[in-house]
N, C-alpha and C. Protein backbone atom coordinates (compact mmCIF):
# COMPACT_ATOMS: atom_id res chain seq x y z
N MET A 1 96.20 -114.41 -35.13
CA MET A 1 96.99 -114.46 -35.82
C MET A 1 98.88 -115.22 -34.09
N VAL A 2 98.66 -116.78 -34.79
CA VAL A 2 98.52 -116.97 -33.49
C VAL A 2 99.85 -118.11 -34.50
N PHE A 3 101.48 -118.49 -33.22
CA PHE A 3 102.56 -118.93 -33.60
C PHE A 3 102.07 -119.71 -31.90
N ASP A 4 102.33 -121.23 -31.89
CA ASP A 4 102.08 -122.34 -30.61
C ASP A 4 103.14 -122.42 -30.40
N GLY A 5 104.49 -122.85 -30.81
CA GLY A 5 106.19 -123.20 -31.04
C GLY A 5 106.25 -123.92 -32.56
N SER A 6 105.76 -123.78 -32.31
CA SER A 6 106.04 -125.19 -34.11
C SER A 6 104.87 -124.93 -35.87
N ASN A 7 103.52 -123.99 -35.67
CA ASN A 7 102.96 -123.92 -36.40
C ASN A 7 102.38 -122.18 -36.63
N TYR A 8 102.53 -121.17 -37.93
CA TYR A 8 102.31 -120.37 -37.66
C TYR A 8 100.73 -120.43 -38.46
N ARG A 9 100.46 -120.00 -37.59
CA ARG A 9 98.52 -119.78 -38.80
C ARG A 9 97.93 -118.76 -38.08
N PHE A 10 96.50 -118.37 -38.61
CA PHE A 10 94.94 -117.72 -38.61
C PHE A 10 94.24 -118.67 -38.33
N GLU A 11 93.88 -118.51 -37.22
CA GLU A 11 92.53 -119.56 -36.63
C GLU A 11 91.15 -118.01 -36.01
N PRO A 12 90.71 -118.73 -36.94
CA PRO A 12 90.17 -119.40 -37.71
C PRO A 12 90.71 -119.41 -38.88
N ALA A 13 91.02 -120.10 -40.49
CA ALA A 13 91.50 -119.78 -41.22
C ALA A 13 90.86 -119.98 -42.62
N ASN A 14 89.42 -120.78 -42.43
CA ASN A 14 88.65 -120.03 -43.23
C ASN A 14 87.42 -119.79 -42.67
N ILE A 15 86.77 -118.45 -43.03
CA ILE A 15 85.70 -117.48 -42.60
C ILE A 15 84.29 -117.88 -43.80
N THR A 16 83.58 -117.83 -43.57
CA THR A 16 82.62 -116.80 -43.69
C THR A 16 82.62 -116.16 -43.50
N ILE A 17 81.64 -114.74 -44.49
CA ILE A 17 81.20 -114.39 -44.54
C ILE A 17 80.38 -113.28 -45.43
N ARG A 18 79.23 -112.12 -44.56
CA ARG A 18 78.38 -111.77 -45.92
C ARG A 18 79.01 -110.45 -46.55
N PRO A 19 78.25 -109.58 -47.54
CA PRO A 19 79.13 -107.78 -47.75
C PRO A 19 78.33 -107.23 -46.61
N GLY A 20 80.26 -106.67 -46.85
CA GLY A 20 79.74 -105.46 -45.52
C GLY A 20 79.79 -106.03 -44.14
N ASP A 21 80.15 -107.73 -43.89
CA ASP A 21 81.05 -107.93 -42.93
C ASP A 21 82.19 -106.32 -42.10
N GLY A 22 82.72 -107.02 -41.53
CA GLY A 22 84.31 -106.80 -40.53
C GLY A 22 84.76 -108.13 -40.46
N VAL A 23 86.19 -108.26 -40.64
CA VAL A 23 87.04 -109.34 -40.19
C VAL A 23 87.91 -108.70 -39.71
N ARG A 24 87.57 -108.99 -38.26
CA ARG A 24 89.39 -108.69 -37.18
C ARG A 24 90.00 -109.66 -37.04
N TRP A 25 91.44 -109.37 -37.60
CA TRP A 25 92.96 -109.91 -36.85
C TRP A 25 93.39 -109.39 -35.39
N THR A 26 92.77 -110.08 -34.97
CA THR A 26 93.81 -110.21 -33.21
C THR A 26 95.90 -111.00 -33.71
N MET A 27 96.58 -109.60 -33.22
CA MET A 27 97.70 -110.57 -32.97
C MET A 27 97.94 -111.43 -31.53
N VAL A 28 98.12 -112.69 -31.99
CA VAL A 28 98.32 -113.18 -30.35
C VAL A 28 99.55 -113.64 -30.26
N SER A 29 100.47 -114.43 -30.48
CA SER A 29 102.28 -114.46 -30.74
C SER A 29 102.47 -114.79 -31.64
N GLY A 30 103.39 -114.72 -32.06
CA GLY A 30 105.29 -115.00 -32.53
C GLY A 30 105.14 -113.82 -33.40
N ALA A 31 104.96 -112.40 -33.70
CA ALA A 31 105.32 -111.13 -34.60
C ALA A 31 106.42 -111.50 -35.31
N PRO A 32 106.40 -110.54 -35.69
CA PRO A 32 104.89 -109.79 -36.08
C PRO A 32 103.89 -110.36 -37.38
N HIS A 33 103.01 -109.94 -37.78
CA HIS A 33 101.99 -110.53 -38.32
C HIS A 33 101.99 -109.71 -39.51
N ASN A 34 101.03 -109.82 -40.52
CA ASN A 34 99.63 -108.65 -41.50
C ASN A 34 98.92 -110.16 -41.83
N VAL A 35 98.50 -109.44 -42.73
CA VAL A 35 96.91 -109.61 -43.66
C VAL A 35 97.36 -109.16 -44.92
N THR A 36 97.96 -109.99 -46.07
CA THR A 36 98.32 -109.63 -47.03
C THR A 36 97.64 -109.77 -48.11
N PHE A 37 96.31 -109.96 -49.93
CA PHE A 37 95.90 -110.43 -50.21
C PHE A 37 96.48 -110.63 -51.14
N TRP A 38 96.85 -111.47 -51.81
CA TRP A 38 97.02 -111.13 -53.23
C TRP A 38 95.56 -111.70 -53.88
N ALA A 39 96.25 -110.67 -55.66
CA ALA A 39 95.31 -109.66 -56.04
C ALA A 39 94.68 -111.02 -57.52
N ASP A 40 95.38 -112.81 -57.13
CA ASP A 40 95.46 -113.33 -57.95
C ASP A 40 93.64 -114.41 -58.23
N SER A 41 94.05 -113.88 -56.32
CA SER A 41 92.83 -114.48 -55.38
C SER A 41 92.03 -114.26 -54.96
N ILE A 42 91.89 -113.58 -55.74
CA ILE A 42 90.47 -112.39 -55.22
C ILE A 42 89.52 -112.04 -55.91
N PRO A 43 88.14 -112.44 -56.19
CA PRO A 43 87.01 -112.11 -57.83
C PRO A 43 87.60 -110.75 -57.88
N ALA A 44 87.01 -110.71 -59.58
CA ALA A 44 87.33 -110.26 -60.53
C ALA A 44 86.98 -108.76 -60.36
N ASP A 45 87.87 -107.72 -60.62
CA ASP A 45 87.29 -106.62 -60.28
C ASP A 45 87.04 -106.05 -59.11
N ALA A 46 88.08 -107.31 -57.76
CA ALA A 46 87.15 -107.01 -56.56
C ALA A 46 88.37 -106.11 -55.65
N GLN A 47 89.06 -105.92 -56.65
CA GLN A 47 90.99 -105.00 -55.52
C GLN A 47 89.92 -104.12 -55.56
N PRO A 48 89.73 -102.54 -56.33
CA PRO A 48 89.77 -101.77 -55.46
C PRO A 48 88.50 -101.34 -54.64
N SER A 49 87.65 -101.65 -54.10
CA SER A 49 87.29 -101.91 -52.98
C SER A 49 87.54 -102.03 -51.40
N LEU A 50 88.29 -103.60 -51.86
CA LEU A 50 89.23 -103.51 -51.18
C LEU A 50 90.56 -102.83 -50.45
N GLU A 51 91.05 -102.56 -51.57
CA GLU A 51 91.93 -101.87 -51.14
C GLU A 51 90.70 -100.13 -49.98
N ALA A 52 89.77 -99.52 -50.56
CA ALA A 52 89.29 -98.50 -50.26
C ALA A 52 89.21 -99.59 -48.24
N ASN A 53 88.78 -100.43 -48.83
CA ASN A 53 88.76 -100.61 -47.17
C ASN A 53 89.87 -101.52 -46.18
N MET A 54 90.99 -101.27 -46.71
CA MET A 54 91.60 -100.88 -46.14
C MET A 54 93.03 -99.92 -45.04
N THR A 55 92.84 -99.54 -44.17
CA THR A 55 93.82 -98.87 -43.83
C THR A 55 94.95 -99.90 -43.28
N ARG A 56 95.89 -97.93 -43.40
CA ARG A 56 97.36 -98.47 -43.01
C ARG A 56 97.69 -99.43 -43.49
N THR A 57 97.64 -99.03 -45.50
CA THR A 57 98.61 -99.90 -46.25
C THR A 57 100.11 -99.64 -46.06
N THR A 58 100.74 -100.66 -46.56
CA THR A 58 102.08 -99.71 -47.07
C THR A 58 102.52 -100.08 -48.03
N LEU A 59 101.63 -101.16 -49.08
CA LEU A 59 102.33 -101.51 -50.53
C LEU A 59 100.47 -101.28 -50.73
N PRO A 60 99.44 -101.91 -52.04
CA PRO A 60 98.65 -102.23 -52.32
C PRO A 60 98.22 -103.54 -51.64
N MET A 61 96.65 -104.11 -50.69
CA MET A 61 96.57 -104.88 -49.79
C MET A 61 97.59 -105.64 -49.51
N TYR A 62 97.99 -104.75 -48.86
CA TYR A 62 99.39 -105.26 -47.88
C TYR A 62 98.80 -104.38 -46.42
N GLY A 63 98.22 -105.04 -45.74
CA GLY A 63 98.17 -104.69 -44.08
C GLY A 63 99.09 -104.32 -43.13
N PRO A 64 99.47 -103.86 -41.87
CA PRO A 64 100.37 -103.01 -41.63
C PRO A 64 100.66 -104.07 -40.87
N LEU A 65 101.90 -104.33 -40.30
CA LEU A 65 102.01 -105.27 -38.98
C LEU A 65 102.05 -105.13 -37.98
N LEU A 66 101.84 -106.74 -36.99
CA LEU A 66 100.90 -106.11 -36.37
C LEU A 66 102.49 -106.56 -34.99
N SER A 67 102.57 -106.11 -34.36
CA SER A 67 103.62 -106.12 -33.34
C SER A 67 103.21 -106.71 -31.84
N GLN A 68 102.77 -106.16 -31.05
CA GLN A 68 101.70 -106.23 -29.83
C GLN A 68 101.07 -107.10 -29.52
N ALA A 69 100.35 -107.89 -29.03
CA ALA A 69 100.25 -108.86 -28.21
C ALA A 69 99.05 -107.92 -28.15
N ASN A 70 97.89 -108.71 -28.81
CA ASN A 70 95.78 -107.97 -28.42
C ASN A 70 95.96 -106.78 -29.40
N GLU A 71 96.79 -106.46 -30.22
CA GLU A 71 97.35 -105.04 -31.79
C GLU A 71 95.68 -105.52 -32.36
N THR A 72 94.74 -105.67 -32.64
CA THR A 72 94.32 -105.95 -33.92
C THR A 72 94.24 -105.13 -35.34
N TYR A 73 93.97 -105.53 -35.88
CA TYR A 73 93.22 -105.40 -37.61
C TYR A 73 92.36 -105.58 -38.57
N THR A 74 91.74 -104.28 -38.54
CA THR A 74 90.21 -105.27 -39.05
C THR A 74 90.17 -104.29 -40.68
N VAL A 75 89.33 -105.24 -41.76
CA VAL A 75 88.97 -104.91 -42.71
C VAL A 75 87.68 -104.92 -43.10
N SER A 76 86.68 -104.32 -43.30
CA SER A 76 85.58 -103.91 -43.94
C SER A 76 85.33 -104.59 -45.31
N PHE A 77 84.65 -105.56 -45.19
CA PHE A 77 84.12 -105.70 -47.06
C PHE A 77 83.13 -105.55 -47.37
N ALA A 78 82.81 -103.81 -46.81
CA ALA A 78 81.86 -103.14 -47.33
C ALA A 78 82.02 -102.79 -49.28
N ASN A 79 80.35 -103.11 -50.23
CA ASN A 79 80.94 -103.02 -51.37
C ASN A 79 81.52 -104.33 -51.47
N ALA A 80 81.66 -105.82 -50.86
CA ALA A 80 83.07 -106.62 -51.97
C ALA A 80 82.24 -107.69 -52.17
N LYS A 81 83.08 -108.37 -53.68
CA LYS A 81 81.67 -109.05 -54.36
C LYS A 81 82.14 -110.38 -54.30
N ALA A 82 81.01 -110.97 -53.51
CA ALA A 82 80.62 -112.17 -53.21
C ALA A 82 82.41 -112.44 -54.28
N GLY A 83 82.75 -114.25 -53.52
CA GLY A 83 84.12 -115.34 -54.22
C GLY A 83 84.83 -115.24 -52.78
N VAL A 84 85.67 -115.83 -52.90
CA VAL A 84 86.53 -116.06 -52.49
C VAL A 84 87.99 -115.07 -52.41
N TYR A 85 88.97 -114.56 -51.62
CA TYR A 85 89.49 -113.63 -51.22
C TYR A 85 90.59 -114.55 -49.93
N LYS A 86 91.19 -115.11 -50.41
CA LYS A 86 92.95 -115.94 -50.20
C LYS A 86 93.63 -115.19 -49.46
N TYR A 87 94.15 -114.85 -48.54
CA TYR A 87 95.18 -113.66 -48.44
C TYR A 87 96.78 -114.64 -47.01
N TYR A 88 97.49 -113.97 -46.70
CA TYR A 88 98.36 -114.65 -46.51
C TYR A 88 99.58 -113.43 -45.09
N CYS A 89 100.06 -114.20 -44.32
CA CYS A 89 100.94 -113.31 -43.56
C CYS A 89 102.64 -113.05 -44.24
N ALA A 90 102.50 -112.53 -44.23
CA ALA A 90 103.86 -111.29 -45.62
C ALA A 90 105.37 -112.18 -44.74
N PRO A 91 105.53 -111.69 -43.55
CA PRO A 91 106.36 -112.43 -42.94
C PRO A 91 106.66 -113.52 -42.64
N HIS A 92 104.91 -114.49 -42.17
CA HIS A 92 105.30 -115.76 -42.70
C HIS A 92 104.80 -117.14 -43.47
N LEU A 93 104.53 -116.47 -44.30
CA LEU A 93 103.87 -116.79 -46.06
C LEU A 93 105.11 -118.37 -46.52
N ALA A 94 106.33 -118.24 -45.92
CA ALA A 94 107.18 -119.58 -46.59
C ALA A 94 107.43 -120.30 -45.92
N LEU A 95 106.72 -120.42 -44.28
CA LEU A 95 105.38 -120.98 -42.65
C LEU A 95 104.60 -121.50 -43.64
N GLY A 96 104.15 -121.51 -43.90
CA GLY A 96 102.95 -121.43 -44.68
C GLY A 96 101.63 -120.76 -43.72
N MET A 97 101.02 -119.96 -43.65
CA MET A 97 100.32 -118.69 -42.60
C MET A 97 99.54 -118.23 -43.89
N LYS A 98 98.32 -118.26 -43.85
CA LYS A 98 97.70 -118.56 -44.87
C LYS A 98 95.81 -118.84 -44.52
N ALA A 99 95.44 -118.38 -45.12
CA ALA A 99 93.85 -117.96 -44.84
C ALA A 99 93.30 -117.78 -46.05
N GLN A 100 91.22 -118.41 -45.68
CA GLN A 100 90.69 -117.38 -46.92
C GLN A 100 89.82 -116.70 -46.28
N ILE A 101 88.72 -116.31 -46.70
CA ILE A 101 87.56 -115.37 -46.77
C ILE A 101 86.59 -115.50 -47.81
N THR A 102 85.48 -116.33 -47.90
CA THR A 102 84.38 -115.97 -48.69
C THR A 102 83.57 -115.41 -48.11
N VAL A 103 83.34 -114.71 -49.25
CA VAL A 103 81.67 -113.85 -48.90
C VAL A 103 80.83 -114.46 -49.80
N GLN A 104 79.20 -114.76 -49.32
CA GLN A 104 78.35 -115.29 -49.55
C GLN A 104 77.62 -114.15 -50.32
């Protein structure tokens, strides 16, 4: 989760994992950031298991806001269905801060 003075972005923007892996995001700069999954951009019927693996949510599939440097947020993909999971940073979506995880 980075802001480099001109762009807000996730680094890397695209990753591939296996079911059961966890993904950890670290707030580097440009706070606040979060991880929010689009319900219509994840595999069918994947929302219940994804929500069960997300902690500290304030809305469905809406991770907490990270505001301190080096603060982290981790989501387990235990019981995740194979497919693409698209997500974004809610405070910076209008600025193009979005990414995706492919579960193989």
